């Protein structure tokens, strides 16, 4: 969302599995593998992870592996952070 005035962030504990051909996955890793999405940042786990297959992903999801995972990309509650809301000048 960098540079955007609005957007949608998925809540923590959510996970999605997307199947890719191995050649495409390897190309993504070679281009973006050092990105914070693949490496994690500030002690948070990576947002994009590799699983052996869809069954391994589903097993991890059913086992609650993602339930309490925080990525650092979750939305924040402005009131809890003491943010004062006001009218924004256009």
PDB file of N, CA and C in Angstrom:
ATOM      1  N   UNK A   1       0.815  -1.188   0.000  1.00  0.00           N
ATOM      2  CA  UNK A   1       0.000   0.000   0.000  1.00  0.00           C
ATOM      3  C   UNK A   1       0.864   1.260   0.000  1.00  0.00           C
ATOM      4  N   UNK A   2       2.133   1.072  -0.051  1.00  0.00           N
ATOM      5  CA  UNK A   2       3.045   2.209  -0.036  1.00  0.00           C
ATOM      6  C   UNK A   2       2.640   3.222  -1.104  1.00  0.00           C
ATOM      7  N   UNK A   3       2.434   4.464  -0.689  1.00  0.00           N
ATOM      8  CA  UNK A   3       2.087   5.518  -1.620  1.00  0.00           C
ATOM      9  C   UNK A   3       0.610   5.603  -1.964  1.00  0.00           C
ATOM     10  N   UNK A   4      -0.199   4.707  -1.416  1.00  0.00           N
ATOM     11  CA  UNK A   4      -1.631   4.710  -1.697  1.00  0.00           C
ATOM     12  C   UNK A   4      -2.384   5.402  -0.579  1.00  0.00           C
ATOM     13  N   UNK A   5      -3.503   6.054  -0.915  1.00  0.00           N
ATOM     14  CA  UNK A   5      -4.286   6.725   0.110  1.00  0.00           C
ATOM     15  C   UNK A   5      -5.258   5.778   0.797  1.00  0.00           C
ATOM     16  N   UNK A   6      -5.531   4.615   0.206  1.00  0.00           N
ATOM     17  CA  UNK A   6      -6.418   3.647   0.836  1.00  0.00           C
ATOM     18  C   UNK A   6      -6.099   2.261   0.286  1.00  0.00           C
ATOM     19  N   UNK A   7      -6.626   1.255   0.966  1.00  0.00           N
ATOM     20  CA  UNK A   7      -6.404  -0.112   0.530  1.00  0.00           C
ATOM     21  C   UNK A   7      -7.041  -1.083   1.492  1.00  0.00           C
ATOM     22  N   UNK A   8      -6.905  -2.361   1.231  1.00  0.00           N
ATOM     23  CA  UNK A   8      -7.489  -3.406   2.067  1.00  0.00           C
ATOM     24  C   UNK A   8      -6.370  -4.309   2.557  1.00  0.00           C
ATOM     25  N   UNK A   9      -6.328  -4.556   3.860  1.00  0.00           N
ATOM     26  CA  UNK A   9      -5.360  -5.484   4.444  1.00  0.00           C
ATOM     27  C   UNK A   9      -6.121  -6.666   5.031  1.00  0.00           C
ATOM     28  N   UNK A  10      -5.605  -7.848   4.830  1.00  0.00           N
ATOM     29  CA  UNK A  10      -6.221  -9.053   5.376  1.00  0.00           C
ATOM     30  C   UNK A  10      -5.877  -9.144   6.858  1.00  0.00           C
ATOM     31  N   UNK A  11      -6.865  -9.524   7.666  1.00  0.00           N
ATOM     32  CA  UNK A  11      -6.641  -9.706   9.101  1.00  0.00           C
ATOM     33  C   UNK A  11      -5.605 -10.793   9.349  1.00  0.00           C
ATOM     34  N   UNK A  12      -4.960 -10.750  10.501  1.00  0.00           N
ATOM     35  CA  UNK A  12      -4.028 -11.793  10.888  1.00  0.00           C
ATOM     36  C   UNK A  12      -4.737 -13.131  10.971  1.00  0.00           C
ATOM     37  N   UNK A  13      -3.994 -14.202  10.811  1.00  0.00           N
ATOM     38  CA  UNK A  13      -4.566 -15.538  10.921  1.00  0.00           C
ATOM     39  C   UNK A  13      -5.195 -16.050   9.641  1.00  0.00           C
ATOM     40  N   UNK A  14      -5.190 -15.258   8.602  1.00  0.00           N
ATOM     41  CA  UNK A  14      -5.770 -15.675   7.321  1.00  0.00           C
ATOM     42  C   UNK A  14      -4.650 -16.207   6.440  1.00  0.00           C
ATOM     43  N   UNK A  15      -4.982 -17.180   5.608  1.00  0.00           N
ATOM     44  CA  UNK A  15      -3.972 -17.735   4.705  1.00  0.00           C
ATOM     45  C   UNK A  15      -4.645 -18.205   3.431  1.00  0.00           C
ATOM     46  N   UNK A  16      -3.921 -18.127   2.355  1.00  0.00           N
ATOM     47  CA  UNK A  16      -4.426 -18.507   1.050  1.00  0.00           C
ATOM     48  C   UNK A  16      -3.347 -19.317   0.344  1.00  0.00           C
ATOM     49  N   UNK A  17      -3.762 -20.371  -0.329  1.00  0.00           N
ATOM     50  CA  UNK A  17      -2.815 -21.214  -1.063  1.00  0.00           C
ATOM     51  C   UNK A  17      -3.041 -21.018  -2.554  1.00  0.00           C
ATOM     52  N   UNK A  18      -1.981 -20.733  -3.259  1.00  0.00           N
ATOM     53  CA  UNK A  18      -2.032 -20.581  -4.712  1.00  0.00           C
ATOM     54  C   UNK A  18      -1.014 -21.535  -5.310  1.00  0.00           C
ATOM     55  N   UNK A  19      -1.449 -22.350  -6.237  1.00  0.00           N
ATOM     56  CA  UNK A  19      -0.534 -23.282  -6.901  1.00  0.00           C
ATOM     57  C   UNK A  19       0.096 -22.600  -8.102  1.00  0.00           C
ATOM     58  N   UNK A  20       1.403 -22.753  -8.217  1.00  0.00           N
ATOM     59  CA  UNK A  20       2.146 -22.197  -9.339  1.00  0.00           C
ATOM     60  C   UNK A  20       3.018 -23.286  -9.949  1.00  0.00           C
ATOM     61  N   UNK A  21       3.223 -23.226 -11.255  1.00  0.00           N
ATOM     62  CA  UNK A  21       4.215 -24.129 -11.850  1.00  0.00           C
ATOM     63  C   UNK A  21       5.581 -23.854 -11.214  1.00  0.00           C
ATOM     64  N   UNK A  22       6.365 -24.894 -11.031  1.00  0.00           N
ATOM     65  CA  UNK A  22       7.664 -24.764 -10.368  1.00  0.00           C
ATOM     66  C   UNK A  22       8.545 -23.713 -11.045  1.00  0.00           C
ATOM     67  N   UNK A  23       8.543 -23.669 -12.354  1.00  0.00           N
ATOM     68  CA  UNK A  23       9.378 -22.692 -13.063  1.00  0.00           C
ATOM     69  C   UNK A  23       8.952 -21.263 -12.720  1.00  0.00           C
ATOM     70  N   UNK A  24       7.647 -21.033 -12.594  1.00  0.00           N
ATOM     71  CA  UNK A  24       7.159 -19.698 -12.233  1.00  0.00           C
ATOM     72  C   UNK A  24       7.555 -19.344 -10.803  1.00  0.00           C
ATOM     73  N   UNK A  25       7.430 -20.316  -9.891  1.00  0.00           N
ATOM     74  CA  UNK A  25       7.801 -20.084  -8.497  1.00  0.00           C
ATOM     75  C   UNK A  25       9.288 -19.748  -8.394  1.00  0.00           C
ATOM     76  N   UNK A  26      10.115 -20.513  -9.083  1.00  0.00           N
ATOM     77  CA  UNK A  26      11.557 -20.264  -9.056  1.00  0.00           C
ATOM     78  C   UNK A  26      11.876 -18.884  -9.632  1.00  0.00           C
ATOM     79  N   UNK A  27      11.163 -18.476 -10.687  1.00  0.00           N
ATOM     80  CA  UNK A  27      11.376 -17.150 -11.273  1.00  0.00           C
ATOM     81  C   UNK A  27      10.982 -16.063 -10.269  1.00  0.00           C
ATOM     82  N   UNK A  28       9.847 -16.227  -9.590  1.00  0.00           N
ATOM     83  CA  UNK A  28       9.422 -15.258  -8.570  1.00  0.00           C
ATOM     84  C   UNK A  28      10.457 -15.139  -7.464  1.00  0.00           C
ATOM     85  N   UNK A  29      10.956 -16.283  -6.987  1.00  0.00           N
ATOM     86  CA  UNK A  29      11.959 -16.254  -5.922  1.00  0.00           C
ATOM     87  C   UNK A  29      13.252 -15.601  -6.387  1.00  0.00           C
ATOM     88  N   UNK A  30      13.645 -15.854  -7.641  1.00  0.00           N
ATOM     89  CA  UNK A  30      14.897 -15.266  -8.105  1.00  0.00           C
ATOM     90  C   UNK A  30      14.771 -13.749  -8.264  1.00  0.00           C
ATOM     91  N   UNK A  31      13.595 -13.274  -8.623  1.00  0.00           N
ATOM     92  CA  UNK A  31      13.393 -11.836  -8.810  1.00  0.00           C
ATOM     93  C   UNK A  31      13.104 -11.129  -7.484  1.00  0.00           C
ATOM     94  N   UNK A  32      12.219 -11.732  -6.664  1.00  0.00           N
ATOM     95  CA  UNK A  32      11.721 -11.060  -5.459  1.00  0.00           C
ATOM     96  C   UNK A  32      12.118 -11.739  -4.149  1.00  0.00           C
ATOM     97  N   UNK A  33      12.934 -12.775  -4.222  1.00  0.00           N
ATOM     98  CA  UNK A  33      13.254 -13.584  -3.051  1.00  0.00           C
ATOM     99  C   UNK A  33      13.872 -12.836  -1.886  1.00  0.00           C
ATOM    100  N   UNK A  34      14.509 -11.701  -2.130  1.00  0.00           N
ATOM    101  CA  UNK A  34      15.114 -10.927  -1.041  1.00  0.00           C
ATOM    102  C   UNK A  34      14.171  -9.849  -0.516  1.00  0.00           C
ATOM    103  N   UNK A  35      12.979  -9.794  -1.078  1.00  0.00           N
ATOM    104  CA  UNK A  35      11.955  -8.846  -0.634  1.00  0.00           C
ATOM    105  C   UNK A  35      11.471  -9.224   0.766  1.00  0.00           C
ATOM    106  N   UNK A  36      11.016  -8.240   1.515  1.00  0.00           N
ATOM    107  CA  UNK A  36      10.506  -8.486   2.867  1.00  0.00           C
ATOM    108  C   UNK A  36       9.310  -9.432   2.856  1.00  0.00           C
ATOM    109  N   UNK A  37       8.590  -9.522   1.750  1.00  0.00           N
ATOM    110  CA  UNK A  37       7.470 -10.450   1.664  1.00  0.00           C
ATOM    111  C   UNK A  37       7.950 -11.892   1.766  1.00  0.00           C
ATOM    112  N   UNK A  38       9.141 -12.172   1.260  1.00  0.00           N
ATOM    113  CA  UNK A  38       9.705 -13.520   1.298  1.00  0.00           C
ATOM    114  C   UNK A  38      10.587 -13.754   2.524  1.00  0.00           C
ATOM    115  N   UNK A  39      11.160 -12.700   3.090  1.00  0.00           N
ATOM    116  CA  UNK A  39      12.115 -12.868   4.186  1.00  0.00           C
ATOM    117  C   UNK A  39      11.553 -12.519   5.555  1.00  0.00           C
ATOM    118  N   UNK A  40      10.465 -11.742   5.605  1.00  0.00           N
ATOM    119  CA  UNK A  40       9.954 -11.248   6.874  1.00  0.00           C
ATOM    120  C   UNK A  40      10.729  -9.999   7.278  1.00  0.00           C
ATOM    121  N   UNK A  41      10.212  -9.294   8.259  1.00  0.00           N
ATOM    122  CA  UNK A  41      10.865  -8.059   8.697  1.00  0.00           C
ATOM    123  C   UNK A  41      10.552  -7.825  10.175  1.00  0.00           C
ATOM    124  N   UNK A  42      11.506  -7.269  10.882  1.00  0.00           N
ATOM    125  CA  UNK A  42      11.336  -6.924  12.297  1.00  0.00           C
ATOM    126  C   UNK A  42      10.823  -8.090  13.141  1.00  0.00           C
ATOM    127  N   UNK A  43      11.285  -9.290  12.844  1.00  0.00           N
ATOM    128  CA  UNK A  43      10.889 -10.463  13.613  1.00  0.00           C
ATOM    129  C   UNK A  43       9.591 -11.104  13.168  1.00  0.00           C
ATOM    130  N   UNK A  44       8.917 -10.507  12.195  1.00  0.00           N
ATOM    131  CA  UNK A  44       7.687 -11.109  11.670  1.00  0.00           C
ATOM    132  C   UNK A  44       8.042 -12.172  10.651  1.00  0.00           C
ATOM    133  N   UNK A  45       7.188 -13.197  10.514  1.00  0.00           N
ATOM    134  CA  UNK A  45       7.471 -14.238   9.518  1.00  0.00           C
ATOM    135  C   UNK A  45       7.210 -13.720   8.106  1.00  0.00           C
ATOM    136  N   UNK A  46       7.729 -14.408   7.101  1.00  0.00           N
ATOM    137  CA  UNK A  46       7.461 -13.998   5.723  1.00  0.00           C
ATOM    138  C   UNK A  46       5.969 -14.077   5.412  1.00  0.00           C
ATOM    139  N   UNK A  47       5.495 -13.210   4.550  1.00  0.00           N
ATOM    140  CA  UNK A  47       4.100 -13.230   4.131  1.00  0.00           C
ATOM    141  C   UNK A  47       3.892 -14.304   3.060  1.00  0.00           C
ATOM    142  N   UNK A  48       4.895 -14.515   2.221  1.00  0.00           N
ATOM    143  CA  UNK A  48       4.814 -15.518   1.162  1.00  0.00           C
ATOM    144  C   UNK A  48       5.723 -16.678   1.542  1.00  0.00           C
ATOM    145  N   UNK A  49       5.113 -17.860   1.640  1.00  0.00           N
ATOM    146  CA  UNK A  49       5.879 -19.051   2.034  1.00  0.00           C
ATOM    147  C   UNK A  49       5.633 -20.179   1.053  1.00  0.00           C
ATOM    148  N   UNK A  50       6.565 -21.090   1.021  1.00  0.00           N
ATOM    149  CA  UNK A  50       6.480 -22.257   0.146  1.00  0.00           C
ATOM    150  C   UNK A  50       6.067 -23.474   0.965  1.00  0.00           C
ATOM    151  N   UNK A  51       5.143 -24.255   0.424  1.00  0.00           N
ATOM    152  CA  UNK A  51       4.759 -25.538   1.013  1.00  0.00           C
ATOM    153  C   UNK A  51       4.998 -26.621  -0.025  1.00  0.00           C
ATOM    154  N   UNK A  52       5.228 -27.834   0.440  1.00  0.00           N
ATOM    155  CA  UNK A  52       5.517 -28.935  -0.478  1.00  0.00           C
ATOM    156  C   UNK A  52       4.359 -29.170  -1.441  1.00  0.00           C
ATOM    157  N   UNK A  53       3.137 -29.072  -0.928  1.00  0.00           N
ATOM    158  CA  UNK A  53       1.956 -29.246  -1.770  1.00  0.00           C
ATOM    159  C   UNK A  53       0.739 -28.674  -1.051  1.00  0.00           C
ATOM    160  N   UNK A  54      -0.391 -28.664  -1.737  1.00  0.00           N
ATOM    161  CA  UNK A  54      -1.617 -28.090  -1.170  1.00  0.00           C
ATOM    162  C   UNK A  54      -2.056 -28.847   0.084  1.00  0.00           C
ATOM    163  N   UNK A  55      -1.805 -30.148   0.127  1.00  0.00           N
ATOM    164  CA  UNK A  55      -2.185 -30.940   1.293  1.00  0.00           C
ATOM    165  C   UNK A  55      -1.397 -30.493   2.529  1.00  0.00           C
ATOM    166  N   UNK A  56      -0.122 -30.198   2.373  1.00  0.00           N
ATOM    167  CA  UNK A  56       0.694 -29.720   3.498  1.00  0.00           C
ATOM    168  C   UNK A  56       0.180 -28.372   3.983  1.00  0.00           C
ATOM    169  N   UNK A  57      -0.213 -27.507   3.058  1.00  0.00           N
ATOM    170  CA  UNK A  57      -0.772 -26.206   3.422  1.00  0.00           C
ATOM    171  C   UNK A  57      -2.073 -26.389   4.195  1.00  0.00           C
ATOM    172  N   UNK A  58      -2.980 -27.205   3.662  1.00  0.00           N
ATOM    173  CA  UNK A  58      -4.274 -27.422   4.320  1.00  0.00           C
ATOM    174  C   UNK A  58      -4.092 -28.043   5.699  1.00  0.00           C
ATOM    175  N   UNK A  59      -3.134 -28.942   5.833  1.00  0.00           N
ATOM    176  CA  UNK A  59      -2.847 -29.555   7.129  1.00  0.00           C
ATOM    177  C   UNK A  59      -2.378 -28.500   8.128  1.00  0.00           C
ATOM    178  N   UNK A  60      -1.504 -27.610   7.693  1.00  0.00           N
ATOM    179  CA  UNK A  60      -1.015 -26.539   8.566  1.00  0.00           C
ATOM    180  C   UNK A  60      -2.153 -25.598   8.953  1.00  0.00           C
ATOM    181  N   UNK A  61      -3.012 -25.307   7.993  1.00  0.00           N
ATOM    182  CA  UNK A  61      -4.137 -24.406   8.251  1.00  0.00           C
ATOM    183  C   UNK A  61      -5.115 -25.033   9.242  1.00  0.00           C
ATOM    184  N   UNK A  62      -5.462 -26.311   9.033  1.00  0.00           N
ATOM    185  CA  UNK A  62      -6.369 -27.019   9.949  1.00  0.00           C
ATOM    186  C   UNK A  62      -5.753 -27.149  11.337  1.00  0.00           C
ATOM    187  N   UNK A  63      -4.445 -27.300  11.384  1.00  0.00           N
ATOM    188  CA  UNK A  63      -3.759 -27.456  12.661  1.00  0.00           C
ATOM    189  C   UNK A  63      -3.601 -26.146  13.419  1.00  0.00           C
ATOM    190  N   UNK A  64      -4.081 -25.059  12.841  1.00  0.00           N
ATOM    191  CA  UNK A  64      -4.036 -23.775  13.526  1.00  0.00           C
ATOM    192  C   UNK A  64      -2.707 -23.053  13.416  1.00  0.00           C
ATOM    193  N   UNK A  65      -1.855 -23.493  12.492  1.00  0.00           N
ATOM    194  CA  UNK A  65      -0.528 -22.883  12.361  1.00  0.00           C
ATOM    195  C   UNK A  65      -0.604 -21.390  12.036  1.00  0.00           C
ATOM    196  N   UNK A  66      -1.671 -20.966  11.361  1.00  0.00           N
ATOM    197  CA  UNK A  66      -1.794 -19.569  10.960  1.00  0.00           C
ATOM    198  C   UNK A  66      -2.666 -18.742  11.903  1.00  0.00           C
ATOM    199  N   UNK A  67      -3.317 -19.385  12.853  1.00  0.00           N
ATOM    200  CA  UNK A  67      -4.319 -18.707  13.688  1.00  0.00           C
ATOM    201  C   UNK A  67      -3.782 -17.460  14.390  1.00  0.00           C
ATOM    202  N   UNK A  68      -2.610 -17.528  14.946  1.00  0.00           N
ATOM    203  CA  UNK A  68      -2.071 -16.402  15.701  1.00  0.00           C
ATOM    204  C   UNK A  68      -0.899 -15.724  15.012  1.00  0.00           C
ATOM    205  N   UNK A  69      -0.682 -16.046  13.749  1.00  0.00           N
ATOM    206  CA  UNK A  69       0.450 -15.463  13.029  1.00  0.00           C
ATOM    207  C   UNK A  69       0.174 -13.998  12.726  1.00  0.00           C
ATOM    208  N   UNK A  70       1.104 -13.172  13.071  1.00  0.00           N
ATOM    209  CA  UNK A  70       1.045 -11.754  12.727  1.00  0.00           C
ATOM    210  C   UNK A  70       2.154 -11.479  11.724  1.00  0.00           C
ATOM    211  N   UNK A  71       1.842 -10.678  10.716  1.00  0.00           N
ATOM    212  CA  UNK A  71       2.817 -10.390   9.664  1.00  0.00           C
ATOM    213  C   UNK A  71       3.380  -8.985   9.750  1.00  0.00           C
ATOM    214  N   UNK A  72       2.725  -8.140  10.549  1.00  0.00           N
ATOM    215  CA  UNK A  72       3.125  -6.738  10.591  1.00  0.00           C
ATOM    216  C   UNK A  72       2.401  -5.915   9.551  1.00  0.00           C
ATOM    217  N   UNK A  73       1.570  -6.566   8.736  1.00  0.00           N
ATOM    218  CA  UNK A  73       0.799  -5.864   7.714  1.00  0.00           C
ATOM    219  C   UNK A  73      -0.666  -5.696   8.105  1.00  0.00           C
ATOM    220  N   UNK A  74      -1.033  -6.199   9.288  1.00  0.00           N
ATOM    221  CA  UNK A  74      -2.424  -6.088   9.711  1.00  0.00           C
ATOM    222  C   UNK A  74      -2.808  -4.622   9.908  1.00  0.00           C
ATOM    223  N   UNK A  75      -4.065  -4.355   9.710  1.00  0.00           N
ATOM    224  CA  UNK A  75      -4.569  -3.011   9.952  1.00  0.00           C
ATOM    225  C   UNK A  75      -4.479  -2.664  11.440  1.00  0.00           C
ATOM    226  N   UNK A  76      -4.427  -1.398  11.749  1.00  0.00           N
ATOM    227  CA  UNK A  76      -4.330  -0.940  13.134  1.00  0.00           C
ATOM    228  C   UNK A  76      -5.614  -0.220  13.519  1.00  0.00           C
ATOM    229  N   UNK A  77      -5.951  -0.268  14.796  1.00  0.00           N
ATOM    230  CA  UNK A  77      -7.106   0.446  15.321  1.00  0.00           C
ATOM    231  C   UNK A  77      -6.652   1.854  15.682  1.00  0.00           C
ATOM    232  N   UNK A  78      -7.072   2.864  14.914  1.00  0.00           N
ATOM    233  CA  UNK A  78      -6.611   4.225  15.175  1.00  0.00           C
ATOM    234  C   UNK A  78      -6.914   4.710  16.593  1.00  0.00           C
ATOM    235  N   UNK A  79      -8.076   4.339  17.126  1.00  0.00           N
ATOM    236  CA  UNK A  79      -8.432   4.775  18.487  1.00  0.00           C
ATOM    237  C   UNK A  79      -7.475   4.184  19.517  1.00  0.00           C
ATOM    238  N   UNK A  80      -7.113   2.907  19.327  1.00  0.00           N
ATOM    239  CA  UNK A  80      -6.197   2.264  20.268  1.00  0.00           C
ATOM    240  C   UNK A  80      -4.808   2.916  20.218  1.00  0.00           C
ATOM    241  N   UNK A  81      -4.477   3.514  19.101  1.00  0.00           N
ATOM    242  CA  UNK A  81      -3.184   4.168  18.946  1.00  0.00           C
ATOM    243  C   UNK A  81      -3.228   5.650  19.312  1.00  0.00           C
ATOM    244  N   UNK A  82      -4.425   6.117  19.690  1.00  0.00           N
ATOM    245  CA  UNK A  82      -4.561   7.516  20.085  1.00  0.00           C
ATOM    246  C   UNK A  82      -4.520   8.488  18.915  1.00  0.00           C
ATOM    247  N   UNK A  83      -4.931   8.036  17.737  1.00  0.00           N
ATOM    248  CA  UNK A  83      -4.937   8.908  16.566  1.00  0.00           C
ATOM    249  C   UNK A  83      -6.158   9.814  16.625  1.00  0.00           C
ATOM    250  N   UNK A  84      -5.940  11.100  16.458  1.00  0.00           N
ATOM    251  CA  UNK A  84      -7.047  12.049  16.415  1.00  0.00           C
ATOM    252  C   UNK A  84      -7.553  12.158  14.996  1.00  0.00           C
ATOM    253  N   UNK A  85      -8.833  11.854  14.794  1.00  0.00           N
ATOM    254  CA  UNK A  85      -9.388  11.959  13.448  1.00  0.00           C
ATOM    255  C   UNK A  85      -9.856  13.383  13.224  1.00  0.00           C
ATOM    256  N   UNK A  86      -9.821  13.796  12.012  1.00  0.00           N
ATOM    257  CA  UNK A  86     -10.247  15.138  11.675  1.00  0.00           C
ATOM    258  C   UNK A  86     -10.541  15.236  10.200  1.00  0.00           C
ATOM    259  N   UNK A  87     -10.915  16.391   9.780  1.00  0.00           N
ATOM    260  CA  UNK A  87     -11.209  16.597   8.371  1.00  0.00           C
ATOM    261  C   UNK A  87      -9.902  16.796   7.627  1.00  0.00           C
ATOM    262  N   UNK A  88      -9.777  16.075   6.541  1.00  0.00           N
ATOM    263  CA  UNK A  88      -8.569  16.153   5.727  1.00  0.00           C
ATOM    264  C   UNK A  88      -8.780  17.206   4.642  1.00  0.00           C
ATOM    265  N   UNK A  89      -7.854  18.098   4.516  1.00  0.00           N
ATOM    266  CA  UNK A  89      -7.936  19.096   3.445  1.00  0.00           C
ATOM    267  C   UNK A  89      -7.625  18.442   2.120  1.00  0.00           C
ATOM    268  N   UNK A  90      -8.471  18.701   1.155  1.00  0.00           N
ATOM    269  CA  UNK A  90      -8.284  18.084  -0.169  1.00  0.00           C
ATOM    270  C   UNK A  90      -7.259  18.806  -0.985  1.00  0.00           C
TER     271      UNK A  90
END
